[in-house]
Amino acid sequence: MGLASFFESKGDKGIVIFAGKGGLGKTTCSAGLSHYMSQKRGRKVLCFSTDPQASLSDIFDRDIFGKGIVQIEPKLDVVEIDADKRVSDYQNEVKQKILTMYGLQELPPEIEEYIDSTSAEPAMYESATYDAMADLVATSHHDLYVFDMPPFGHGVRMIAMAEILSKWVGKITEAREKAQEYEAVAATLKGGKVSEDEVLRELNDIQSKITRFTDLMVDQKRTSFFMVLIPERMAILDTERALEMFDSLGLQMAGLIVNQIYPAEMRNAQGEAAAFLRNRARMQEKYLDEIKSKFGSKVVAMLPMYPKEPRGLDMISRVSEDLMHGPGL
């Protein structure tokens, strides 16, 4: 049991994405796998996150948020993208392109307000995330990429949204090619003529970025999704929904990781003070049985509830061994 058997059959190069809701252990699993593959298997690994709460900084006990690629151990690099800054940079880039394209000295207030307001849209944050992912895979030259996915839709929403955006850009491009009156509008704004190719080139660039990301995520020979859950009712229901979402997109979850499991001896703890822990452990036992019944062979690793939070390289090393070689259900 453990992820070791998975990587023995699949190989230890490519992309691994840990998905699921927040607070269940995605960052712990990302750090554990990255440590093991870099230190025990000698692979050059990049561990990546866009969590605004700087979760990788916390677990590695290093200030890496917004600092670019930081080496934590030999062959282990970590990067925590400041997605808010990336969105802001993108907005400024759009504003500048509009000014240049139409020869304006300043943007009309309503256009500037509209562009600024897009920072509140979840789609902008997600777009910044997958754009950063695709850029890192294309340019950083690592053997293995481990992504601690932000908790929106288990990554599935990102794939679905990318396909929708690609179709939307395609429709705009098609309309742009046919609507000759745009030339007159552009000429009026600029006092001259805007090259049609310039606009189309921008649209094609957007579409190529979206396609690049989608191809990356759905390539099951290269990319593996693992979902992290805990033995509680809501987490089990959420996992069922996630598996349905994956099936609807023709994707296969590589496996499930059950986290925060109480030691078995707690189920028989004695004394009044131990009643709470005993009840929690017995409740978990019921949900572990349900996980086994519903998900069966999909569970590829199980992690215990540790006596202290998994933070720092010593604890990450312990997690990595449990993740790769731990016991099964």
C-alpha atoms as a PDB file:
ATOM      1  CA  MET A   1       0.000   0.000   0.000  1.00  0.00           C
ATOM      2  CA  GLY A   2       1.055   3.608  -0.456  1.00  0.00           C
ATOM      3  CA  LEU A   3       1.996   5.688  -3.476  1.00  0.00           C
ATOM      4  CA  ALA A   4       5.237   3.795  -4.058  1.00  0.00           C
ATOM      5  CA  SER A   5       3.464   1.058  -6.025  1.00  0.00           C
ATOM      6  CA  PHE A   6       1.674   3.667  -8.148  1.00  0.00           C
ATOM      7  CA  PHE A   7       4.926   5.330  -9.179  1.00  0.00           C
ATOM      8  CA  GLU A   8       6.630   1.991  -9.763  1.00  0.00           C
ATOM      9  CA  SER A   9       4.092   1.254 -12.486  1.00  0.00           C
ATOM     10  CA  LYS A  10       3.669   4.788 -13.838  1.00  0.00           C
ATOM     11  CA  GLY A  11       7.197   6.130 -13.475  1.00  0.00           C
ATOM     12  CA  ASP A  12       8.338   9.087 -11.413  1.00  0.00           C
ATOM     13  CA  LYS A  13       8.262  11.841 -14.009  1.00  0.00           C
ATOM     14  CA  GLY A  14       5.324  14.025 -14.982  1.00  0.00           C
ATOM     15  CA  ILE A  15       2.746  16.022 -13.047  1.00  0.00           C
ATOM     16  CA  VAL A  16       0.937  15.153  -9.817  1.00  0.00           C
ATOM     17  CA  ILE A  17      -2.003  17.249  -8.612  1.00  0.00           C
ATOM     18  CA  PHE A  18      -3.420  16.971  -5.105  1.00  0.00           C
ATOM     19  CA  ALA A  19      -7.030  18.117  -5.163  1.00  0.00           C
ATOM     20  CA  GLY A  20      -9.890  18.482  -2.720  1.00  0.00           C
ATOM     21  CA  LYS A  21     -11.408  20.917  -0.277  1.00  0.00           C
ATOM     22  CA  GLY A  22      -9.294  23.116   1.986  1.00  0.00           C
ATOM     23  CA  GLY A  23      -7.938  21.899   5.308  1.00  0.00           C
ATOM     24  CA  LEU A  24      -7.887  18.175   4.539  1.00  0.00           C
ATOM     25  CA  GLY A  25      -4.171  17.718   3.874  1.00  0.00           C
ATOM     26  CA  LYS A  26      -3.364  18.572   0.237  1.00  0.00           C
ATOM     27  CA  THR A  27      -0.359  20.638   1.260  1.00  0.00           C
ATOM     28  CA  THR A  28       0.874  17.900   3.590  1.00  0.00           C
ATOM     29  CA  CYS A  29       0.680  15.329   0.781  1.00  0.00           C
ATOM     30  CA  SER A  30       2.311  17.689  -1.731  1.00  0.00           C
ATOM     31  CA  ALA A  31       5.237  18.362   0.585  1.00  0.00           C
ATOM     32  CA  GLY A  32       5.594  14.678   1.511  1.00  0.00           C
ATOM     33  CA  LEU A  33       5.658  13.434  -2.075  1.00  0.00           C
ATOM     34  CA  SER A  34       8.025  16.206  -3.182  1.00  0.00           C
ATOM     35  CA  HIS A  35      10.454  15.431  -0.345  1.00  0.00           C
ATOM     36  CA  TYR A  36      10.433  11.689  -1.041  1.00  0.00           C
ATOM     37  CA  MET A  37      10.900  11.933  -4.796  1.00  0.00           C
ATOM     38  CA  SER A  38      13.719  14.461  -4.540  1.00  0.00           C
ATOM     39  CA  GLN A  39      15.613  12.980  -1.574  1.00  0.00           C
ATOM     40  CA  LYS A  40      14.939   9.241  -1.953  1.00  0.00           C
ATOM     41  CA  ARG A  41      14.522   8.903  -5.715  1.00  0.00           C
ATOM     42  CA  GLY A  42      16.876  11.657  -6.842  1.00  0.00           C
ATOM     43  CA  ARG A  43      14.364  13.379  -9.072  1.00  0.00           C
ATOM     44  CA  LYS A  44      14.421  17.129  -9.647  1.00  0.00           C
ATOM     45  CA  VAL A  45      11.072  18.206  -8.194  1.00  0.00           C
ATOM     46  CA  LEU A  46       9.101  21.447  -8.243  1.00  0.00           C
ATOM     47  CA  CYS A  47       6.356  21.805  -5.631  1.00  0.00           C
ATOM     48  CA  PHE A  48       3.904  24.569  -6.507  1.00  0.00           C
ATOM     49  CA  SER A  49       1.002  26.403  -4.885  1.00  0.00           C
ATOM     50  CA  THR A  50      -1.087  29.541  -5.371  1.00  0.00           C
ATOM     51  CA  ASP A  51      -2.720  29.402  -1.951  1.00  0.00           C
ATOM     52  CA  PRO A  52      -3.027  33.028  -0.708  1.00  0.00           C
ATOM     53  CA  GLN A  53      -2.571  31.734   2.854  1.00  0.00           C
ATOM     54  CA  ALA A  54       0.974  30.631   1.984  1.00  0.00           C
ATOM     55  CA  SER A  55       0.461  27.020   3.044  1.00  0.00           C
ATOM     56  CA  LEU A  56       3.734  25.751   1.571  1.00  0.00           C
ATOM     57  CA  SER A  57       5.596  28.506   3.422  1.00  0.00           C
ATOM     58  CA  ASP A  58       3.976  27.241   6.598  1.00  0.00           C
ATOM     59  CA  ILE A  59       4.679  23.537   6.134  1.00  0.00           C
ATOM     60  CA  PHE A  60       8.277  24.020   4.957  1.00  0.00           C
ATOM     61  CA  ASP A  61       8.772  26.679   7.650  1.00  0.00           C
ATOM     62  CA  ARG A  62      10.249  29.095   5.101  1.00  0.00           C
ATOM     63  CA  ASP A  63       9.050  32.445   3.754  1.00  0.00           C
ATOM     64  CA  ILE A  64       8.646  31.627   0.071  1.00  0.00           C
ATOM     65  CA  PHE A  65       5.358  33.344  -0.872  1.00  0.00           C
ATOM     66  CA  GLY A  66       5.869  35.516  -3.950  1.00  0.00           C
ATOM     67  CA  LYS A  67       9.643  34.911  -3.881  1.00  0.00           C
ATOM     68  CA  GLY A  68       9.851  32.899  -7.107  1.00  0.00           C
ATOM     69  CA  ILE A  69      11.431  29.443  -7.212  1.00  0.00           C
ATOM     70  CA  VAL A  70      13.191  28.681  -3.900  1.00  0.00           C
ATOM     71  CA  GLN A  71      15.413  25.658  -3.271  1.00  0.00           C
ATOM     72  CA  ILE A  72      14.391  23.914  -0.024  1.00  0.00           C
ATOM     73  CA  GLU A  73      16.579  20.810  -0.270  1.00  0.00           C
ATOM     74  CA  PRO A  74      18.899  19.401  -2.940  1.00  0.00           C
ATOM     75  CA  LYS A  75      16.755  18.765  -6.029  1.00  0.00           C
ATOM     76  CA  LEU A  76      13.622  20.135  -4.310  1.00  0.00           C
ATOM     77  CA  ASP A  77      12.384  23.547  -5.438  1.00  0.00           C
ATOM     78  CA  VAL A  78       9.237  25.212  -4.143  1.00  0.00           C
ATOM     79  CA  VAL A  79       7.283  28.128  -5.552  1.00  0.00           C
ATOM     80  CA  GLU A  80       4.265  29.919  -4.122  1.00  0.00           C
ATOM     81  CA  ILE A  81       2.743  32.203  -6.732  1.00  0.00           C
ATOM     82  CA  ASP A  82       1.106  35.437  -5.578  1.00  0.00           C
ATOM     83  CA  ALA A  83      -2.006  34.982  -7.730  1.00  0.00           C
ATOM     84  CA  ASP A  84      -3.423  38.377  -6.708  1.00  0.00           C
ATOM     85  CA  LYS A  85      -0.296  40.086  -8.046  1.00  0.00           C
ATOM     86  CA  ARG A  86      -0.461  38.004 -11.205  1.00  0.00           C
ATOM     87  CA  VAL A  87      -4.073  39.126 -11.760  1.00  0.00           C
ATOM     88  CA  SER A  88      -3.064  42.762 -11.136  1.00  0.00           C
ATOM     89  CA  ASP A  89      -0.175  42.497 -13.611  1.00  0.00           C
ATOM     90  CA  TYR A  90      -2.521  40.981 -16.189  1.00  0.00           C
ATOM     91  CA  GLN A  91      -5.046  43.805 -15.719  1.00  0.00           C
ATOM     92  CA  ASN A  92      -2.324  46.405 -16.220  1.00  0.00           C
ATOM     93  CA  GLU A  93      -1.174  44.584 -19.347  1.00  0.00           C
ATOM     94  CA  VAL A  94      -4.714  44.624 -20.764  1.00  0.00           C
ATOM     95  CA  LYS A  95      -5.029  48.354 -20.047  1.00  0.00           C
ATOM     96  CA  GLN A  96      -1.741  49.085 -21.783  1.00  0.00           C
ATOM     97  CA  LYS A  97      -2.693  47.007 -24.817  1.00  0.00           C
ATOM     98  CA  ILE A  98      -5.968  48.911 -25.169  1.00  0.00           C
ATOM     99  CA  LEU A  99      -4.124  52.246 -24.946  1.00  0.00           C
ATOM    100  CA  THR A 100      -1.580  51.155 -27.538  1.00  0.00           C
ATOM    101  CA  MET A 101      -4.058  49.456 -29.851  1.00  0.00           C
ATOM    102  CA  TYR A 102      -6.369  52.456 -30.067  1.00  0.00           C
ATOM    103  CA  GLY A 103      -3.839  55.260 -29.631  1.00  0.00           C
ATOM    104  CA  LEU A 104      -5.457  56.583 -26.435  1.00  0.00           C
ATOM    105  CA  GLN A 105      -3.753  58.744 -23.800  1.00  0.00           C
ATOM    106  CA  GLU A 106      -5.982  57.409 -21.022  1.00  0.00           C
ATOM    107  CA  LEU A 107      -8.719  54.831 -20.663  1.00  0.00           C
ATOM    108  CA  PRO A 108     -12.367  55.881 -20.450  1.00  0.00           C
ATOM    109  CA  PRO A 109     -13.350  55.607 -16.740  1.00  0.00           C
ATOM    110  CA  GLU A 110     -16.042  52.995 -17.366  1.00  0.00           C
ATOM    111  CA  ILE A 111     -13.560  50.700 -19.168  1.00  0.00           C
ATOM    112  CA  GLU A 112     -10.932  51.077 -16.434  1.00  0.00           C
ATOM    113  CA  GLU A 113     -13.532  50.377 -13.726  1.00  0.00           C
ATOM    114  CA  TYR A 114     -14.678  47.273 -15.585  1.00  0.00           C
ATOM    115  CA  ILE A 115     -11.133  45.909 -15.911  1.00  0.00           C
ATOM    116  CA  ASP A 116     -10.401  46.619 -12.230  1.00  0.00           C
ATOM    117  CA  SER A 117     -13.611  44.896 -11.157  1.00  0.00           C
ATOM    118  CA  THR A 118     -12.544  41.629 -12.801  1.00  0.00           C
ATOM    119  CA  SER A 119     -10.101  40.994  -9.924  1.00  0.00           C
ATOM    120  CA  ALA A 120     -13.128  40.007  -7.838  1.00  0.00           C
ATOM    121  CA  GLU A 121     -14.138  37.328 -10.341  1.00  0.00           C
ATOM    122  CA  PRO A 122     -13.120  33.760  -9.370  1.00  0.00           C
ATOM    123  CA  ALA A 123     -12.372  33.058 -13.023  1.00  0.00           C
ATOM    124  CA  MET A 124      -9.529  35.579 -12.970  1.00  0.00           C
ATOM    125  CA  TYR A 125      -7.862  33.855 -10.017  1.00  0.00           C
ATOM    126  CA  GLU A 126      -8.255  30.453 -11.633  1.00  0.00           C
ATOM    127  CA  SER A 127      -6.937  31.782 -14.943  1.00  0.00           C
ATOM    128  CA  ALA A 128      -3.867  33.165 -13.175  1.00  0.00           C
ATOM    129  CA  THR A 129      -3.362  29.793 -11.515  1.00  0.00           C
ATOM    130  CA  TYR A 130      -3.476  27.604 -14.585  1.00  0.00           C
ATOM    131  CA  ASP A 131      -1.479  30.095 -16.642  1.00  0.00           C
ATOM    132  CA  ALA A 132       1.256  29.959 -13.999  1.00  0.00           C
ATOM    133  CA  MET A 133       1.112  26.148 -13.934  1.00  0.00           C
ATOM    134  CA  ALA A 134       1.506  25.882 -17.692  1.00  0.00           C
ATOM    135  CA  ASP A 135       4.376  28.400 -17.701  1.00  0.00           C
ATOM    136  CA  LEU A 136       6.275  26.531 -14.979  1.00  0.00           C
ATOM    137  CA  VAL A 137       5.938  23.158 -16.679  1.00  0.00           C
ATOM    138  CA  ALA A 138       7.031  24.654 -19.995  1.00  0.00           C
ATOM    139  CA  THR A 139      10.064  26.562 -18.716  1.00  0.00           C
ATOM    140  CA  SER A 140      11.452  25.224 -15.405  1.00  0.00           C
ATOM    141  CA  HIS A 141      12.846  21.848 -16.612  1.00  0.00           C
ATOM    142  CA  HIS A 142      12.039  19.631 -13.603  1.00  0.00           C
ATOM    143  CA  ASP A 143      11.408  15.878 -13.676  1.00  0.00           C
ATOM    144  CA  LEU A 144       8.317  15.955 -11.483  1.00  0.00           C
ATOM    145  CA  TYR A 145       5.832  18.747 -10.831  1.00  0.00           C
ATOM    146  CA  VAL A 146       3.690  18.499  -7.702  1.00  0.00           C
ATOM    147  CA  PHE A 147       0.780  20.939  -7.540  1.00  0.00           C
ATOM    148  CA  ASP A 148      -1.020  21.777  -4.312  1.00  0.00           C
ATOM    149  CA  MET A 149      -4.279  22.720  -6.016  1.00  0.00           C
ATOM    150  CA  PRO A 150      -6.399  25.588  -4.652  1.00  0.00           C
ATOM    151  CA  PRO A 151      -9.717  24.212  -3.358  1.00  0.00           C
ATOM    152  CA  PHE A 152     -11.971  25.210  -6.245  1.00  0.00           C
ATOM    153  CA  GLY A 153     -13.863  22.340  -7.781  1.00  0.00           C
ATOM    154  CA  HIS A 154     -11.042  19.794  -7.290  1.00  0.00           C
ATOM    155  CA  GLY A 155      -9.328  21.127 -10.401  1.00  0.00           C
ATOM    156  CA  VAL A 156     -12.204  19.832 -12.500  1.00  0.00           C
ATOM    157  CA  ARG A 157     -13.837  23.237 -12.639  1.00  0.00           C
ATOM    158  CA  MET A 158     -10.577  24.598 -14.021  1.00  0.00           C
ATOM    159  CA  ILE A 159     -10.669  22.126 -16.891  1.00  0.00           C
ATOM    160  CA  ALA A 160     -14.336  22.775 -17.652  1.00  0.00           C
ATOM    161  CA  MET A 161     -13.826  26.535 -17.478  1.00  0.00           C
ATOM    162  CA  ALA A 162     -10.816  26.363 -19.776  1.00  0.00           C
ATOM    163  CA  GLU A 163     -12.857  24.512 -22.406  1.00  0.00           C
ATOM    164  CA  ILE A 164     -15.675  27.071 -22.147  1.00  0.00           C
ATOM    165  CA  LEU A 165     -13.233  29.988 -22.429  1.00  0.00           C
ATOM    166  CA  SER A 166     -11.567  28.409 -25.431  1.00  0.00           C
ATOM    167  CA  LYS A 167     -14.914  28.092 -27.225  1.00  0.00           C
ATOM    168  CA  TRP A 168     -15.811  31.654 -26.267  1.00  0.00           C
ATOM    169  CA  VAL A 169     -12.537  33.037 -27.652  1.00  0.00           C
ATOM    170  CA  GLY A 170     -13.082  30.961 -30.787  1.00  0.00           C
ATOM    171  CA  LYS A 171     -16.478  32.566 -31.328  1.00  0.00           C
ATOM    172  CA  ILE A 172     -15.038  36.048 -30.819  1.00  0.00           C
ATOM    173  CA  THR A 173     -12.270  35.286 -33.288  1.00  0.00           C
ATOM    174  CA  GLU A 174     -14.777  34.070 -35.832  1.00  0.00           C
ATOM    175  CA  ALA A 175     -16.873  37.194 -35.376  1.00  0.00           C
ATOM    176  CA  ARG A 176     -13.766  39.365 -35.625  1.00  0.00           C
ATOM    177  CA  GLU A 177     -12.831  37.859 -38.943  1.00  0.00           C
ATOM    178  CA  LYS A 178     -16.288  38.501 -40.381  1.00  0.00           C
ATOM    179  CA  ALA A 179     -17.200  41.897 -38.939  1.00  0.00           C
ATOM    180  CA  GLN A 180     -15.569  44.410 -41.248  1.00  0.00           C
ATOM    181  CA  GLU A 181     -17.239  47.338 -39.494  1.00  0.00           C
ATOM    182  CA  TYR A 182     -14.760  46.914 -36.606  1.00  0.00           C
ATOM    183  CA  GLU A 183     -12.179  48.541 -38.851  1.00  0.00           C
ATOM    184  CA  ALA A 184     -14.228  51.694 -38.988  1.00  0.00           C
ATOM    185  CA  VAL A 185     -14.668  51.746 -35.194  1.00  0.00           C
ATOM    186  CA  ALA A 186     -10.966  51.202 -34.630  1.00  0.00           C
ATOM    187  CA  ALA A 187     -10.030  53.873 -37.139  1.00  0.00           C
ATOM    188  CA  THR A 188     -12.323  56.387 -35.450  1.00  0.00           C
ATOM    189  CA  LEU A 189     -10.799  55.724 -32.034  1.00  0.00           C
ATOM    190  CA  LYS A 190      -7.219  55.869 -33.225  1.00  0.00           C
ATOM    191  CA  GLY A 191      -7.492  58.413 -35.990  1.00  0.00           C
ATOM    192  CA  GLY A 192      -6.105  55.860 -38.381  1.00  0.00           C
ATOM    193  CA  LYS A 193      -6.443  52.176 -39.088  1.00  0.00           C
ATOM    194  CA  VAL A 194      -5.794  49.325 -36.688  1.00  0.00           C
ATOM    195  CA  SER A 195      -4.340  46.203 -38.186  1.00  0.00           C
ATOM    196  CA  GLU A 196      -6.897  43.412 -38.091  1.00  0.00           C
ATOM    197  CA  ASP A 197      -4.045  40.947 -37.637  1.00  0.00           C
ATOM    198  CA  GLU A 198      -3.004  42.642 -34.386  1.00  0.00           C
ATOM    199  CA  VAL A 199      -6.374  41.994 -32.768  1.00  0.00           C
ATOM    200  CA  LEU A 200      -6.601  38.448 -34.086  1.00  0.00           C
ATOM    201  CA  ARG A 201      -3.088  37.722 -32.918  1.00  0.00           C
ATOM    202  CA  GLU A 202      -4.085  38.728 -29.387  1.00  0.00           C
ATOM    203  CA  LEU A 203      -7.156  36.465 -29.487  1.00  0.00           C
ATOM    204  CA  ASN A 204      -5.146  33.557 -30.843  1.00  0.00           C
ATOM    205  CA  ASP A 205      -2.567  34.030 -28.089  1.00  0.00           C
ATOM    206  CA  ILE A 206      -5.287  33.815 -25.414  1.00  0.00           C
ATOM    207  CA  GLN A 207      -6.735  30.692 -26.994  1.00  0.00           C
ATOM    208  CA  SER A 208      -3.338  29.007 -27.286  1.00  0.00           C
ATOM    209  CA  LYS A 209      -2.689  29.567 -23.558  1.00  0.00           C
ATOM    210  CA  ILE A 210      -6.048  28.027 -22.678  1.00  0.00           C
ATOM    211  CA  THR A 211      -5.454  25.069 -24.978  1.00  0.00           C
ATOM    212  CA  ARG A 212      -1.980  24.551 -23.549  1.00  0.00           C
ATOM    213  CA  PHE A 213      -3.385  24.349 -20.032  1.00  0.00           C
ATOM    214  CA  THR A 214      -6.264  22.047 -20.956  1.00  0.00           C
ATOM    215  CA  ASP A 215      -3.961  19.683 -22.831  1.00  0.00           C
ATOM    216  CA  LEU A 216      -1.668  19.596 -19.804  1.00  0.00           C
ATOM    217  CA  MET A 217      -4.436  18.749 -17.345  1.00  0.00           C
ATOM    218  CA  VAL A 218      -6.211  16.062 -19.359  1.00  0.00           C
ATOM    219  CA  ASP A 219      -3.095  14.197 -20.514  1.00  0.00           C
ATOM    220  CA  GLN A 220      -3.474  11.161 -18.253  1.00  0.00           C
ATOM    221  CA  LYS A 221      -0.162   9.689 -19.392  1.00  0.00           C
ATOM    222  CA  ARG A 222       1.541  12.747 -17.968  1.00  0.00           C
ATOM    223  CA  THR A 223      -0.785  14.125 -15.264  1.00  0.00           C
ATOM    224  CA  SER A 224      -2.186  12.275 -12.243  1.00  0.00           C
ATOM    225  CA  PHE A 225      -4.883  13.601  -9.889  1.00  0.00           C
ATOM    226  CA  PHE A 226      -5.063  12.443  -6.285  1.00  0.00           C
ATOM    227  CA  MET A 227      -7.863  13.541  -4.009  1.00  0.00           C
ATOM    228  CA  VAL A 228      -7.372  13.914  -0.262  1.00  0.00           C
ATOM    229  CA  LEU A 229     -10.233  13.220   2.157  1.00  0.00           C
ATOM    230  CA  ILE A 230     -10.741  12.536   5.852  1.00  0.00           C
ATOM    231  CA  PRO A 231     -13.033   9.940   7.486  1.00  0.00           C
ATOM    232  CA  GLU A 232     -16.038  12.223   7.934  1.00  0.00           C
ATOM    233  CA  ARG A 233     -19.453  12.298   6.296  1.00  0.00           C
ATOM    234  CA  MET A 234     -19.134  15.562   4.342  1.00  0.00           C
ATOM    235  CA  ALA A 235     -15.708  14.626   2.999  1.00  0.00           C
ATOM    236  CA  ILE A 236     -17.084  11.302   1.725  1.00  0.00           C
ATOM    237  CA  LEU A 237     -20.011  13.024  -0.005  1.00  0.00           C
ATOM    238  CA  ASP A 238     -17.661  15.584  -1.528  1.00  0.00           C
ATOM    239  CA  THR A 239     -15.419  12.805  -2.833  1.00  0.00           C
ATOM    240  CA  GLU A 240     -18.384  11.091  -4.482  1.00  0.00           C
ATOM    241  CA  ARG A 241     -19.256  14.339  -6.267  1.00  0.00           C
ATOM    242  CA  ALA A 242     -15.666  14.832  -7.366  1.00  0.00           C
ATOM    243  CA  LEU A 243     -15.482  11.344  -8.868  1.00  0.00           C
ATOM    244  CA  GLU A 244     -18.702  12.030 -10.770  1.00  0.00           C
ATOM    245  CA  MET A 245     -17.225  15.291 -12.103  1.00  0.00           C
ATOM    246  CA  PHE A 246     -14.115  13.469 -13.277  1.00  0.00           C
ATOM    247  CA  ASP A 247     -16.200  10.816 -15.001  1.00  0.00           C
ATOM    248  CA  SER A 248     -18.238  13.504 -16.782  1.00  0.00           C
ATOM    249  CA  LEU A 249     -15.030  14.847 -18.330  1.00  0.00           C
ATOM    250  CA  GLY A 250     -13.739  11.415 -19.272  1.00  0.00           C
ATOM    251  CA  LEU A 251     -10.942  11.614 -16.694  1.00  0.00           C
ATOM    252  CA  GLN A 252      -9.819   9.067 -14.150  1.00  0.00           C
ATOM    253  CA  MET A 253      -8.767   9.874 -10.591  1.00  0.00           C
ATOM    254  CA  ALA A 254      -5.371   8.266  -9.954  1.00  0.00           C
ATOM    255  CA  GLY A 255      -6.296   7.549  -6.357  1.00  0.00           C
ATOM    256  CA  LEU A 256      -7.656   8.704  -3.009  1.00  0.00           C
ATOM    257  CA  ILE A 257      -5.627   9.491   0.089  1.00  0.00           C
ATOM    258  CA  VAL A 258      -7.323   9.203   3.478  1.00  0.00           C
ATOM    259  CA  ASN A 259      -5.805  11.585   6.015  1.00  0.00           C
ATOM    260  CA  GLN A 260      -6.016  12.302   9.766  1.00  0.00           C
ATOM    261  CA  ILE A 261      -6.764   8.767  10.969  1.00  0.00           C
ATOM    262  CA  TYR A 262      -6.734   8.295  14.736  1.00  0.00           C
ATOM    263  CA  PRO A 263      -4.606   5.477  16.224  1.00  0.00           C
ATOM    264  CA  ALA A 264      -6.609   2.257  16.617  1.00  0.00           C
ATOM    265  CA  GLU A 265      -5.876   2.060  20.358  1.00  0.00           C
ATOM    266  CA  MET A 266      -7.900   5.237  20.906  1.00  0.00           C
ATOM    267  CA  ARG A 267     -11.108   3.282  20.182  1.00  0.00           C
ATOM    268  CA  ASN A 268     -10.686   1.533  23.538  1.00  0.00           C
ATOM    269  CA  ALA A 269      -9.326   4.433  25.572  1.00  0.00           C
ATOM    270  CA  GLN A 270     -10.372   4.237  29.217  1.00  0.00           C
ATOM    271  CA  GLY A 271     -11.367   6.923  31.687  1.00  0.00           C
ATOM    272  CA  GLU A 272     -13.747   9.851  31.655  1.00  0.00           C
ATOM    273  CA  ALA A 273     -11.214  12.208  30.101  1.00  0.00           C
ATOM    274  CA  ALA A 274     -10.697   9.792  27.187  1.00  0.00           C
ATOM    275  CA  ALA A 275     -14.409   9.563  26.299  1.00  0.00           C
ATOM    276  CA  PHE A 276     -14.200  12.290  23.659  1.00  0.00           C
ATOM    277  CA  LEU A 277     -11.257  10.716  21.867  1.00  0.00           C
ATOM    278  CA  ARG A 278     -12.808   7.251  22.141  1.00  0.00           C
ATOM    279  CA  ASN A 279     -16.037   8.453  20.527  1.00  0.00           C
ATOM    280  CA  ARG A 280     -14.167  10.262  17.749  1.00  0.00           C
ATOM    281  CA  ALA A 281     -12.076   7.189  16.982  1.00  0.00           C
ATOM    282  CA  ARG A 282     -15.140   4.938  16.858  1.00  0.00           C
ATOM    283  CA  MET A 283     -16.923   7.416  14.606  1.00  0.00           C
ATOM    284  CA  GLN A 284     -13.922   7.339  12.278  1.00  0.00           C
ATOM    285  CA  GLU A 285     -14.009   3.540  12.232  1.00  0.00           C
ATOM    286  CA  LYS A 286     -17.556   3.686  10.878  1.00  0.00           C
ATOM    287  CA  TYR A 287     -16.574   6.142   8.144  1.00  0.00           C
ATOM    288  CA  LEU A 288     -13.447   4.159   7.267  1.00  0.00           C
ATOM    289  CA  ASP A 289     -15.706   1.172   6.643  1.00  0.00           C
ATOM    290  CA  GLU A 290     -17.885   3.386   4.430  1.00  0.00           C
ATOM    291  CA  ILE A 291     -14.844   4.611   2.501  1.00  0.00           C
ATOM    292  CA  LYS A 292     -13.723   1.032   1.949  1.00  0.00           C
ATOM    293  CA  SER A 293     -17.201   0.039   0.772  1.00  0.00           C
ATOM    294  CA  LYS A 294     -17.704   2.994  -1.594  1.00  0.00           C
ATOM    295  CA  PHE A 295     -14.224   3.593  -2.955  1.00  0.00           C
ATOM    296  CA  GLY A 296     -12.401   0.299  -2.435  1.00  0.00           C
ATOM    297  CA  SER A 297      -9.286   0.033  -4.567  1.00  0.00           C
ATOM    298  CA  LYS A 298      -9.275   3.776  -5.286  1.00  0.00           C
ATOM    299  CA  VAL A 299      -7.721   4.356  -1.844  1.00  0.00           C
ATOM    300  CA  VAL A 300      -3.970   4.268  -2.460  1.00  0.00           C
ATOM    301  CA  ALA A 301      -2.590   5.713   0.798  1.00  0.00           C
ATOM    302  CA  MET A 302      -3.607   6.458   4.378  1.00  0.00           C
ATOM    303  CA  LEU A 303      -2.055   8.954   6.773  1.00  0.00           C
ATOM    304  CA  PRO A 304      -2.403   9.018  10.563  1.00  0.00           C
ATOM    305  CA  MET A 305      -3.264  11.933  12.794  1.00  0.00           C
ATOM    306  CA  TYR A 306       0.213  13.000  13.931  1.00  0.00           C
ATOM    307  CA  PRO A 307       0.974  13.970  17.555  1.00  0.00           C
ATOM    308  CA  LYS A 308       2.051  17.397  16.296  1.00  0.00           C
ATOM    309  CA  GLU A 309       1.358  19.323  13.123  1.00  0.00           C
ATOM    310  CA  PRO A 310       3.362  18.135  10.102  1.00  0.00           C
ATOM    311  CA  ARG A 311       5.638  21.145   9.752  1.00  0.00           C
ATOM    312  CA  GLY A 312       9.351  21.337   9.036  1.00  0.00           C
ATOM    313  CA  LEU A 313      11.565  18.876   7.204  1.00  0.00           C
ATOM    314  CA  ASP A 314      11.698  16.281   9.997  1.00  0.00           C
ATOM    315  CA  MET A 315       7.905  15.909  10.062  1.00  0.00           C
ATOM    316  CA  ILE A 316       7.666  16.118   6.259  1.00  0.00           C
ATOM    317  CA  SER A 317      10.132  13.222   6.047  1.00  0.00           C
ATOM    318  CA  ARG A 318       7.899  11.181   8.368  1.00  0.00           C
ATOM    319  CA  VAL A 319       4.830  12.016   6.280  1.00  0.00           C
ATOM    320  CA  SER A 320       6.654  11.042   3.109  1.00  0.00           C
ATOM    321  CA  GLU A 321       7.350   7.529   4.383  1.00  0.00           C
ATOM    322  CA  ASP A 322       3.725   7.049   5.463  1.00  0.00           C
ATOM    323  CA  LEU A 323       2.478   8.410   2.156  1.00  0.00           C
ATOM    324  CA  MET A 324       4.697   6.170   0.073  1.00  0.00           C
ATOM    325  CA  HIS A 325       4.747   2.970   2.152  1.00  0.00           C
ATOM    326  CA  GLY A 326       1.952   3.276   4.716  1.00  0.00           C
ATOM    327  CA  PRO A 327      -0.654   0.633   5.627  1.00  0.00           C
ATOM    328  CA  GLY A 328      -3.886   0.121   3.738  1.00  0.00           C
ATOM    329  CA  LEU A 329      -7.506   0.029   4.825  1.00  0.00           C
END
